[in-house]
Amino acid sequence: MDSYRKVFNILAIVFLLFFWGSMLASAGEGPVVLRFKINPEDNPTLTDDMGIEKKLWTSLKAATKAPMPPIYDPTGKIDPFANPFLIVKEDRVEDPEPTDVPDTMLTRWDHSQLKLTGIIINGTFRFAAFITPEGGRCYKGMIGDHIGSQGHVIMSINNGEVVAIMDENVITYEISS
């Protein structure tokens, strides 16, 4: 039993000496770096297809230069340190309805210049055919479309007449013969 203890102590001392020696050997050196200098006369210059001259070898410092670290962009990401029960969602603001009259063929003229020539009713679809003063062209209007440069809106299309309203102003078109 005593011989095992002696062998164990000797192995422990050898291990500690080896470990201590390797610590001392690497303490002053750090990582191994190859150091050499390039003689400017030995560094030939090459010309690429664009006519730009470049040296064949670069310095070791420039070749081993660390790239720029990426820049963190927090937009669209959740903060992992914020309390999830205290996060307040932003209220969405609805875009207001456009107040301008859209530029269509029926809104380029005054409502008095347009003439109703016909009404087409096909099931639930109702169309009104208007003639413009630009040379007899015919354009269709549906319920909800703007008509006239003032911005009247077609509210109903019935047999023989079309009713357009803007604020309190009501215009009725009848089929002209």
N, C-alpha and C. Protein backbone atom coordinates (compact mmCIF):
# COMPACT_ATOMS: atom_id res chain seq x y z
N MET A 1 0.83 -1.18 0.00
CA MET A 1 0.00 0.00 0.00
C MET A 1 0.87 1.24 0.00
N ASP A 2 1.94 1.17 0.72
CA ASP A 2 2.86 2.29 0.82
C ASP A 2 3.55 2.55 -0.52
N SER A 3 3.78 1.50 -1.32
CA SER A 3 4.44 1.67 -2.62
C SER A 3 3.51 2.39 -3.61
N TYR A 4 2.21 2.13 -3.51
CA TYR A 4 1.25 2.83 -4.37
C TYR A 4 1.22 4.33 -4.06
N ARG A 5 1.32 4.67 -2.78
CA ARG A 5 1.31 6.06 -2.38
C ARG A 5 2.54 6.78 -2.92
N LYS A 6 3.71 6.14 -2.93
CA LYS A 6 4.93 6.75 -3.44
C LYS A 6 4.80 6.97 -4.95
N VAL A 7 4.29 5.99 -5.67
CA VAL A 7 4.11 6.12 -7.12
C VAL A 7 3.12 7.24 -7.43
N PHE A 8 2.06 7.31 -6.69
CA PHE A 8 1.05 8.36 -6.87
C PHE A 8 1.65 9.74 -6.63
N ASN A 9 2.44 9.90 -5.58
CA ASN A 9 3.07 11.18 -5.27
C ASN A 9 4.06 11.58 -6.37
N ILE A 10 4.82 10.62 -6.88
CA ILE A 10 5.78 10.92 -7.94
C ILE A 10 5.04 11.36 -9.21
N LEU A 11 3.97 10.67 -9.56
CA LEU A 11 3.18 11.06 -10.74
C LEU A 11 2.54 12.43 -10.56
N ALA A 12 2.08 12.74 -9.37
CA ALA A 12 1.49 14.04 -9.10
C ALA A 12 2.53 15.14 -9.24
N ILE A 13 3.72 14.93 -8.76
CA ILE A 13 4.78 15.93 -8.85
C ILE A 13 5.19 16.13 -10.30
N VAL A 14 5.33 15.05 -11.07
CA VAL A 14 5.68 15.16 -12.48
C VAL A 14 4.60 15.94 -13.24
N PHE A 15 3.34 15.66 -12.97
CA PHE A 15 2.23 16.37 -13.62
C PHE A 15 2.27 17.85 -13.29
N LEU A 16 2.47 18.18 -12.00
CA LEU A 16 2.51 19.59 -11.60
C LEU A 16 3.69 20.32 -12.23
N LEU A 17 4.85 19.66 -12.31
CA LEU A 17 6.01 20.28 -12.94
C LEU A 17 5.76 20.51 -14.43
N PHE A 18 5.17 19.54 -15.08
CA PHE A 18 4.87 19.68 -16.50
C PHE A 18 3.88 20.81 -16.73
N PHE A 19 2.81 20.85 -15.94
CA PHE A 19 1.78 21.88 -16.07
C PHE A 19 2.37 23.25 -15.78
N TRP A 20 3.20 23.37 -14.71
CA TRP A 20 3.80 24.65 -14.32
C TRP A 20 4.79 25.11 -15.40
N GLY A 21 5.53 24.21 -15.97
CA GLY A 21 6.49 24.55 -17.02
C GLY A 21 5.81 25.03 -18.30
N SER A 22 4.74 24.40 -18.65
CA SER A 22 4.03 24.83 -19.86
C SER A 22 3.37 26.19 -19.65
N MET A 23 2.93 26.49 -18.44
CA MET A 23 2.35 27.80 -18.13
C MET A 23 3.40 28.89 -18.26
N LEU A 24 4.61 28.62 -17.74
CA LEU A 24 5.68 29.61 -17.82
C LEU A 24 6.16 29.80 -19.25
N ALA A 25 6.18 28.74 -20.02
CA ALA A 25 6.67 28.83 -21.40
C ALA A 25 5.75 29.68 -22.27
N SER A 26 4.45 29.58 -22.08
CA SER A 26 3.52 30.31 -22.93
C SER A 26 3.13 31.66 -22.36
N ALA A 27 3.54 32.00 -21.16
CA ALA A 27 3.11 33.26 -20.54
C ALA A 27 3.68 34.47 -21.25
N GLY A 28 4.93 34.42 -21.64
CA GLY A 28 5.54 35.59 -22.24
C GLY A 28 5.40 35.66 -23.74
N GLU A 29 5.12 34.59 -24.39
CA GLU A 29 5.12 34.57 -25.85
C GLU A 29 3.79 34.99 -26.45
N GLY A 30 2.71 34.49 -25.94
CA GLY A 30 1.41 34.72 -26.55
C GLY A 30 1.30 33.88 -27.81
N PRO A 31 0.41 34.23 -28.70
CA PRO A 31 0.29 33.46 -29.92
C PRO A 31 1.50 33.65 -30.83
N VAL A 32 1.80 32.65 -31.57
CA VAL A 32 2.96 32.70 -32.45
C VAL A 32 2.61 33.54 -33.67
N VAL A 33 3.43 34.54 -33.98
CA VAL A 33 3.21 35.42 -35.11
C VAL A 33 4.44 35.37 -35.99
N LEU A 34 4.23 35.17 -37.27
CA LEU A 34 5.34 35.20 -38.21
C LEU A 34 5.65 36.64 -38.53
N ARG A 35 6.89 37.03 -38.32
CA ARG A 35 7.29 38.40 -38.58
C ARG A 35 8.33 38.39 -39.69
N PHE A 36 8.00 39.07 -40.77
CA PHE A 36 8.97 39.23 -41.85
C PHE A 36 8.67 40.54 -42.54
N LYS A 37 9.66 41.06 -43.19
CA LYS A 37 9.50 42.32 -43.90
C LYS A 37 9.62 42.05 -45.40
N ILE A 38 8.84 42.80 -46.16
CA ILE A 38 8.90 42.68 -47.60
C ILE A 38 9.82 43.78 -48.11
N ASN A 39 10.78 43.38 -48.85
CA ASN A 39 11.69 44.34 -49.45
C ASN A 39 10.96 45.00 -50.61
N PRO A 40 10.87 46.35 -50.64
CA PRO A 40 10.12 47.01 -51.72
C PRO A 40 10.64 46.68 -53.11
N GLU A 41 11.93 46.40 -53.23
CA GLU A 41 12.46 46.07 -54.54
C GLU A 41 12.02 44.68 -55.00
N ASP A 42 11.75 43.79 -54.05
CA ASP A 42 11.34 42.43 -54.38
C ASP A 42 9.82 42.29 -54.58
N ASN A 43 9.08 43.36 -54.35
CA ASN A 43 7.62 43.32 -54.47
C ASN A 43 7.23 43.86 -55.84
N PRO A 44 6.98 42.99 -56.80
CA PRO A 44 6.69 43.47 -58.16
C PRO A 44 5.33 44.16 -58.24
N THR A 45 5.20 45.06 -59.21
CA THR A 45 3.94 45.78 -59.45
C THR A 45 3.25 45.13 -60.65
N LEU A 46 1.95 44.87 -60.46
CA LEU A 46 1.15 44.27 -61.53
C LEU A 46 0.12 45.29 -62.00
N THR A 47 -0.24 45.25 -63.26
CA THR A 47 -1.26 46.14 -63.82
C THR A 47 -2.44 45.27 -64.25
N ASP A 48 -3.65 45.62 -63.72
CA ASP A 48 -4.83 44.82 -64.08
C ASP A 48 -5.43 45.31 -65.38
N ASP A 49 -6.59 44.76 -65.76
CA ASP A 49 -7.23 45.08 -67.04
C ASP A 49 -7.64 46.54 -67.15
N MET A 50 -7.91 47.19 -66.01
CA MET A 50 -8.37 48.57 -66.00
C MET A 50 -7.21 49.55 -66.00
N GLY A 51 -5.97 49.04 -65.94
CA GLY A 51 -4.81 49.91 -65.94
C GLY A 51 -4.38 50.37 -64.57
N ILE A 52 -4.93 49.75 -63.51
CA ILE A 52 -4.59 50.13 -62.14
C ILE A 52 -3.42 49.28 -61.69
N GLU A 53 -2.40 49.94 -61.16
CA GLU A 53 -1.22 49.23 -60.69
C GLU A 53 -1.41 48.81 -59.24
N LYS A 54 -1.06 47.56 -58.95
CA LYS A 54 -1.16 47.03 -57.60
C LYS A 54 0.12 46.28 -57.28
N LYS A 55 0.49 46.30 -56.01
CA LYS A 55 1.64 45.52 -55.56
C LYS A 55 1.20 44.07 -55.41
N LEU A 56 2.13 43.16 -55.70
CA LEU A 56 1.80 41.74 -55.65
C LEU A 56 1.53 41.29 -54.22
N TRP A 57 2.38 41.71 -53.28
CA TRP A 57 2.20 41.33 -51.89
C TRP A 57 1.79 42.54 -51.09
N THR A 58 0.96 42.33 -50.10
CA THR A 58 0.60 43.40 -49.18
C THR A 58 1.32 43.18 -47.87
N SER A 59 1.33 44.18 -47.04
CA SER A 59 1.99 44.01 -45.74
C SER A 59 1.17 43.05 -44.89
N LEU A 60 1.85 42.44 -43.93
CA LEU A 60 1.18 41.49 -43.06
C LEU A 60 0.11 42.18 -42.22
N LYS A 61 0.38 43.43 -41.86
CA LYS A 61 -0.58 44.18 -41.05
C LYS A 61 -1.87 44.40 -41.84
N ALA A 62 -1.74 44.76 -43.11
CA ALA A 62 -2.93 45.00 -43.93
C ALA A 62 -3.65 43.70 -44.26
N ALA A 63 -2.89 42.62 -44.42
CA ALA A 63 -3.51 41.33 -44.76
C ALA A 63 -4.27 40.73 -43.59
N THR A 64 -3.81 41.00 -42.36
CA THR A 64 -4.46 40.41 -41.19
C THR A 64 -5.35 41.41 -40.48
N LYS A 65 -5.68 42.50 -41.13
CA LYS A 65 -6.53 43.52 -40.52
C LYS A 65 -7.92 42.93 -40.28
N ALA A 66 -8.44 43.15 -39.08
CA ALA A 66 -9.75 42.60 -38.73
C ALA A 66 -10.83 43.38 -39.46
N PRO A 67 -11.85 42.70 -39.98
CA PRO A 67 -12.94 43.41 -40.66
C PRO A 67 -13.77 44.19 -39.64
N MET A 68 -14.51 45.17 -40.15
CA MET A 68 -15.37 45.97 -39.28
C MET A 68 -16.47 45.09 -38.71
N PRO A 69 -16.75 45.23 -37.41
CA PRO A 69 -17.83 44.42 -36.85
C PRO A 69 -19.18 44.90 -37.39
N PRO A 70 -20.15 44.01 -37.49
CA PRO A 70 -21.46 44.43 -38.01
C PRO A 70 -22.13 45.40 -37.04
N ILE A 71 -22.91 46.32 -37.59
CA ILE A 71 -23.61 47.32 -36.78
C ILE A 71 -25.00 46.79 -36.50
N TYR A 72 -25.39 46.81 -35.23
CA TYR A 72 -26.68 46.30 -34.80
C TYR A 72 -27.78 47.29 -35.14
N ASP A 73 -28.84 46.81 -35.75
CA ASP A 73 -29.98 47.64 -36.09
C ASP A 73 -31.20 47.10 -35.35
N PRO A 74 -31.70 47.81 -34.32
CA PRO A 74 -32.80 47.28 -33.51
C PRO A 74 -34.18 47.45 -34.13
N THR A 75 -34.31 48.05 -35.29
CA THR A 75 -35.64 48.29 -35.84
C THR A 75 -36.32 46.97 -36.18
N GLY A 76 -37.55 46.85 -35.75
CA GLY A 76 -38.35 45.66 -36.04
C GLY A 76 -38.07 44.49 -35.13
N LYS A 77 -37.24 44.68 -34.11
CA LYS A 77 -36.91 43.60 -33.19
C LYS A 77 -37.52 43.87 -31.83
N ILE A 78 -37.81 42.82 -31.10
CA ILE A 78 -38.38 42.94 -29.77
C ILE A 78 -37.25 43.04 -28.76
N ASP A 79 -37.42 43.94 -27.78
CA ASP A 79 -36.42 44.10 -26.73
C ASP A 79 -36.53 42.90 -25.79
N PRO A 80 -35.49 42.05 -25.68
CA PRO A 80 -35.59 40.86 -24.83
C PRO A 80 -35.61 41.18 -23.35
N PHE A 81 -35.20 42.40 -22.97
CA PHE A 81 -35.14 42.75 -21.56
C PHE A 81 -36.38 43.50 -21.08
N ALA A 82 -37.29 43.83 -21.99
CA ALA A 82 -38.50 44.54 -21.61
C ALA A 82 -39.52 43.55 -21.06
N ASN A 83 -40.29 44.00 -20.09
CA ASN A 83 -41.34 43.18 -19.51
C ASN A 83 -42.45 43.01 -20.55
N PRO A 84 -42.77 41.77 -20.94
CA PRO A 84 -43.76 41.59 -22.01
C PRO A 84 -45.16 42.03 -21.59
N PHE A 85 -45.43 42.13 -20.29
CA PHE A 85 -46.75 42.54 -19.84
C PHE A 85 -46.90 44.05 -19.83
N LEU A 86 -45.79 44.78 -19.94
CA LEU A 86 -45.85 46.23 -19.93
C LEU A 86 -45.69 46.84 -21.31
N ILE A 87 -45.53 46.01 -22.33
CA ILE A 87 -45.38 46.53 -23.69
C ILE A 87 -46.73 47.04 -24.17
N VAL A 88 -46.75 48.28 -24.59
CA VAL A 88 -47.99 48.90 -25.07
C VAL A 88 -47.92 48.97 -26.59
N LYS A 89 -48.93 48.44 -27.23
CA LYS A 89 -48.97 48.50 -28.68
C LYS A 89 -49.41 49.89 -29.11
N GLU A 90 -48.76 50.39 -30.16
CA GLU A 90 -49.11 51.70 -30.68
C GLU A 90 -50.43 51.62 -31.42
N ASP A 91 -51.26 52.63 -31.21
CA ASP A 91 -52.53 52.69 -31.93
C ASP A 91 -52.26 53.10 -33.37
N ARG A 92 -52.88 52.40 -34.28
CA ARG A 92 -52.74 52.74 -35.69
C ARG A 92 -53.67 53.89 -36.01
N VAL A 93 -53.13 54.83 -36.71
CA VAL A 93 -53.93 55.96 -37.15
C VAL A 93 -54.38 55.67 -38.57
N GLU A 94 -55.67 55.66 -38.76
CA GLU A 94 -56.23 55.40 -40.09
C GLU A 94 -56.00 56.61 -40.98
N ASP A 95 -55.70 56.38 -42.23
CA ASP A 95 -55.56 57.47 -43.18
C ASP A 95 -56.94 58.05 -43.46
N PRO A 96 -57.04 59.36 -43.46
CA PRO A 96 -58.34 59.95 -43.75
C PRO A 96 -58.74 59.71 -45.21
N GLU A 97 -60.00 59.69 -45.44
CA GLU A 97 -60.52 59.51 -46.79
C GLU A 97 -60.07 60.69 -47.65
N PRO A 98 -59.67 60.42 -48.88
CA PRO A 98 -59.26 61.54 -49.73
C PRO A 98 -60.46 62.42 -50.05
N THR A 99 -60.26 63.72 -49.95
CA THR A 99 -61.35 64.65 -50.21
C THR A 99 -61.34 65.16 -51.63
N ASP A 100 -60.25 64.97 -52.34
CA ASP A 100 -60.16 65.45 -53.71
C ASP A 100 -60.98 64.56 -54.63
N VAL A 101 -61.44 65.16 -55.69
CA VAL A 101 -62.19 64.43 -56.71
C VAL A 101 -61.18 63.68 -57.58
N PRO A 102 -61.35 62.36 -57.77
CA PRO A 102 -60.40 61.63 -58.61
C PRO A 102 -60.50 62.10 -60.07
N ASP A 103 -59.38 61.98 -60.76
CA ASP A 103 -59.33 62.42 -62.16
C ASP A 103 -59.77 61.26 -63.06
N THR A 104 -61.04 61.26 -63.42
CA THR A 104 -61.58 60.27 -64.35
C THR A 104 -62.19 61.01 -65.53
N MET A 105 -62.64 60.27 -66.51
CA MET A 105 -63.22 60.91 -67.70
C MET A 105 -64.52 61.63 -67.35
N LEU A 106 -65.24 61.16 -66.34
CA LEU A 106 -66.51 61.80 -65.99
C LEU A 106 -66.31 63.01 -65.07
N THR A 107 -65.12 63.20 -64.50
CA THR A 107 -64.90 64.35 -63.62
C THR A 107 -64.12 65.47 -64.29
N ARG A 108 -63.86 65.36 -65.58
CA ARG A 108 -63.09 66.40 -66.28
C ARG A 108 -63.97 67.56 -66.75
N TRP A 109 -65.29 67.39 -66.75
CA TRP A 109 -66.20 68.43 -67.21
C TRP A 109 -67.19 68.77 -66.11
N ASP A 110 -67.84 69.89 -66.30
CA ASP A 110 -68.90 70.29 -65.38
C ASP A 110 -70.08 69.32 -65.55
N HIS A 111 -70.83 69.14 -64.47
CA HIS A 111 -71.94 68.16 -64.53
C HIS A 111 -73.01 68.56 -65.53
N SER A 112 -73.11 69.86 -65.86
CA SER A 112 -74.12 70.29 -66.83
C SER A 112 -73.72 69.94 -68.27
N GLN A 113 -72.44 69.65 -68.52
CA GLN A 113 -71.99 69.31 -69.86
C GLN A 113 -72.19 67.83 -70.19
N LEU A 114 -72.42 66.99 -69.19
CA LEU A 114 -72.59 65.56 -69.42
C LEU A 114 -74.06 65.25 -69.71
N LYS A 115 -74.29 64.31 -70.65
CA LYS A 115 -75.66 63.93 -71.01
C LYS A 115 -75.81 62.42 -70.81
N LEU A 116 -76.87 62.02 -70.14
CA LEU A 116 -77.17 60.61 -69.92
C LEU A 116 -77.82 60.05 -71.19
N THR A 117 -77.19 59.00 -71.76
CA THR A 117 -77.72 58.42 -73.00
C THR A 117 -78.35 57.06 -72.80
N GLY A 118 -78.00 56.38 -71.73
CA GLY A 118 -78.59 55.06 -71.53
C GLY A 118 -78.24 54.48 -70.17
N ILE A 119 -79.01 53.48 -69.76
CA ILE A 119 -78.79 52.78 -68.49
C ILE A 119 -78.78 51.30 -68.79
N ILE A 120 -77.80 50.61 -68.24
CA ILE A 120 -77.70 49.17 -68.43
C ILE A 120 -77.87 48.53 -67.06
N ILE A 121 -78.87 47.65 -66.94
CA ILE A 121 -79.11 46.94 -65.68
C ILE A 121 -78.98 45.46 -65.98
N ASN A 122 -78.01 44.81 -65.31
CA ASN A 122 -77.76 43.39 -65.51
C ASN A 122 -77.70 42.75 -64.12
N GLY A 123 -78.84 42.30 -63.63
CA GLY A 123 -78.90 41.72 -62.29
C GLY A 123 -78.65 42.82 -61.25
N THR A 124 -77.57 42.68 -60.49
CA THR A 124 -77.27 43.69 -59.48
C THR A 124 -76.37 44.78 -60.01
N PHE A 125 -75.80 44.61 -61.18
CA PHE A 125 -74.91 45.63 -61.76
C PHE A 125 -75.74 46.66 -62.50
N ARG A 126 -75.48 47.92 -62.20
CA ARG A 126 -76.18 49.03 -62.85
C ARG A 126 -75.15 50.01 -63.37
N PHE A 127 -75.23 50.31 -64.65
CA PHE A 127 -74.31 51.24 -65.30
C PHE A 127 -75.11 52.34 -65.96
N ALA A 128 -74.54 53.55 -65.93
CA ALA A 128 -75.14 54.68 -66.63
C ALA A 128 -74.15 55.13 -67.68
N ALA A 129 -74.63 55.36 -68.91
CA ALA A 129 -73.77 55.77 -70.02
C ALA A 129 -73.93 57.27 -70.23
N PHE A 130 -72.80 58.00 -70.11
CA PHE A 130 -72.81 59.45 -70.29
C PHE A 130 -71.99 59.82 -71.53
N ILE A 131 -72.48 60.84 -72.28
CA ILE A 131 -71.74 61.37 -73.42
C ILE A 131 -71.05 62.65 -72.97
N THR A 132 -69.77 62.76 -73.31
CA THR A 132 -68.97 63.95 -72.94
C THR A 132 -68.95 64.92 -74.12
N PRO A 133 -68.65 66.18 -73.86
CA PRO A 133 -68.66 67.17 -74.94
C PRO A 133 -67.41 67.13 -75.83
N GLU A 134 -66.48 66.19 -75.60
CA GLU A 134 -65.24 66.18 -76.37
C GLU A 134 -65.39 65.58 -77.76
N GLY A 135 -66.56 65.21 -78.13
CA GLY A 135 -66.74 64.67 -79.46
C GLY A 135 -67.64 63.46 -79.46
N GLY A 136 -68.51 63.36 -78.48
CA GLY A 136 -69.49 62.30 -78.48
C GLY A 136 -69.00 60.98 -77.92
N ARG A 137 -67.95 60.98 -77.14
CA ARG A 137 -67.49 59.72 -76.53
C ARG A 137 -68.40 59.36 -75.38
N CYS A 138 -68.57 58.07 -75.20
CA CYS A 138 -69.47 57.57 -74.16
C CYS A 138 -68.66 56.89 -73.06
N TYR A 139 -68.94 57.25 -71.80
CA TYR A 139 -68.26 56.66 -70.64
C TYR A 139 -69.29 56.18 -69.65
N LYS A 140 -68.94 55.09 -68.93
CA LYS A 140 -69.90 54.52 -67.99
C LYS A 140 -69.62 55.02 -66.57
N GLY A 141 -70.70 55.11 -65.81
CA GLY A 141 -70.61 55.45 -64.41
C GLY A 141 -71.39 54.44 -63.60
N MET A 142 -70.89 54.12 -62.39
CA MET A 142 -71.58 53.17 -61.52
C MET A 142 -71.94 53.89 -60.21
N ILE A 143 -72.72 53.23 -59.38
CA ILE A 143 -73.06 53.80 -58.08
C ILE A 143 -71.78 53.93 -57.26
N GLY A 144 -71.56 55.13 -56.72
CA GLY A 144 -70.36 55.42 -55.94
C GLY A 144 -69.28 56.15 -56.73
N ASP A 145 -69.41 56.23 -58.06
CA ASP A 145 -68.44 56.96 -58.88
C ASP A 145 -68.68 58.46 -58.77
N HIS A 146 -67.60 59.22 -58.95
CA HIS A 146 -67.71 60.69 -58.99
C HIS A 146 -68.08 61.11 -60.39
N ILE A 147 -68.87 62.16 -60.46
CA ILE A 147 -69.30 62.68 -61.75
C ILE A 147 -69.29 64.21 -61.67
N GLY A 148 -68.78 64.86 -62.70
CA GLY A 148 -68.70 66.32 -62.71
C GLY A 148 -67.47 66.81 -61.96
N SER A 149 -66.98 68.00 -62.36
CA SER A 149 -65.76 68.53 -61.76
C SER A 149 -65.94 68.98 -60.31
N GLN A 150 -67.19 69.16 -59.86
CA GLN A 150 -67.42 69.55 -58.47
C GLN A 150 -67.33 68.37 -57.51
N GLY A 151 -67.46 67.16 -58.00
CA GLY A 151 -67.32 65.98 -57.16
C GLY A 151 -68.62 65.36 -56.70
N HIS A 152 -69.67 65.46 -57.50
CA HIS A 152 -70.92 64.78 -57.15
C HIS A 152 -70.69 63.27 -57.19
N VAL A 153 -71.43 62.53 -56.38
CA VAL A 153 -71.31 61.08 -56.31
C VAL A 153 -72.63 60.47 -56.75
N ILE A 154 -72.55 59.47 -57.64
CA ILE A 154 -73.77 58.79 -58.12
C ILE A 154 -74.32 57.93 -56.99
N MET A 155 -75.55 58.23 -56.57
CA MET A 155 -76.17 57.51 -55.45
C MET A 155 -77.15 56.43 -55.93
N SER A 156 -77.84 56.66 -57.03
CA SER A 156 -78.77 55.63 -57.49
C SER A 156 -78.90 55.69 -59.01
N ILE A 157 -79.11 54.50 -59.57
CA ILE A 157 -79.36 54.37 -61.01
C ILE A 157 -80.64 53.57 -61.14
N ASN A 158 -81.68 54.23 -61.63
CA ASN A 158 -82.98 53.58 -61.78
C ASN A 158 -83.36 53.58 -63.25
N ASN A 159 -84.54 53.05 -63.54
CA ASN A 159 -85.03 53.01 -64.92
C ASN A 159 -85.28 54.42 -65.41
N GLY A 160 -84.36 54.94 -66.21
CA GLY A 160 -84.59 56.24 -66.83
C GLY A 160 -83.92 57.41 -66.15
N GLU A 161 -83.39 57.29 -64.94
CA GLU A 161 -82.77 58.43 -64.30
C GLU A 161 -81.59 58.03 -63.41
N VAL A 162 -80.68 59.00 -63.22
CA VAL A 162 -79.51 58.82 -62.35
C VAL A 162 -79.50 59.98 -61.38
N VAL A 163 -79.30 59.67 -60.09
CA VAL A 163 -79.28 60.70 -59.05
C VAL A 163 -77.86 60.80 -58.51
N ALA A 164 -77.31 62.03 -58.53
CA ALA A 164 -75.98 62.30 -58.00
C ALA A 164 -76.11 63.35 -56.90
N ILE A 165 -75.34 63.17 -55.81
CA ILE A 165 -75.46 64.05 -54.65
C ILE A 165 -74.07 64.54 -54.26
N MET A 166 -73.99 65.83 -53.87
CA MET A 166 -72.80 66.39 -53.24
C MET A 166 -73.29 67.30 -52.13
N ASP A 167 -72.95 66.96 -50.89
CA ASP A 167 -73.45 67.67 -49.71
C ASP A 167 -74.98 67.69 -49.76
N GLU A 168 -75.58 68.86 -49.93
CA GLU A 168 -77.04 68.97 -50.01
C GLU A 168 -77.52 69.17 -51.44
N ASN A 169 -76.60 69.27 -52.38
CA ASN A 169 -76.93 69.53 -53.77
C ASN A 169 -77.24 68.22 -54.48
N VAL A 170 -78.45 68.06 -55.00
CA VAL A 170 -78.90 66.84 -55.68
C VAL A 170 -79.09 67.16 -57.16
N ILE A 171 -78.50 66.33 -58.00
CA ILE A 171 -78.63 66.47 -59.46
C ILE A 171 -79.30 65.22 -59.99
N THR A 172 -80.28 65.39 -60.87
CA THR A 172 -80.95 64.26 -61.49
C THR A 172 -80.72 64.33 -62.99
N TYR A 173 -80.21 63.23 -63.54
CA TYR A 173 -80.00 63.10 -64.98
C TYR A 173 -81.11 62.22 -65.53
N GLU A 174 -81.70 62.64 -66.64
CA GLU A 174 -82.69 61.81 -67.32
C GLU A 174 -82.19 61.50 -68.72
N ILE A 175 -82.60 60.37 -69.25
CA ILE A 175 -82.13 59.95 -70.56
C ILE A 175 -82.63 60.95 -71.60
N SER A 176 -81.68 61.50 -72.36
CA SER A 176 -82.04 62.46 -73.41
C SER A 176 -82.27 61.68 -74.71
N SER A 177 -83.25 62.16 -75.45
CA SER A 177 -83.58 61.45 -76.69
C SER A 177 -83.08 62.15 -77.90
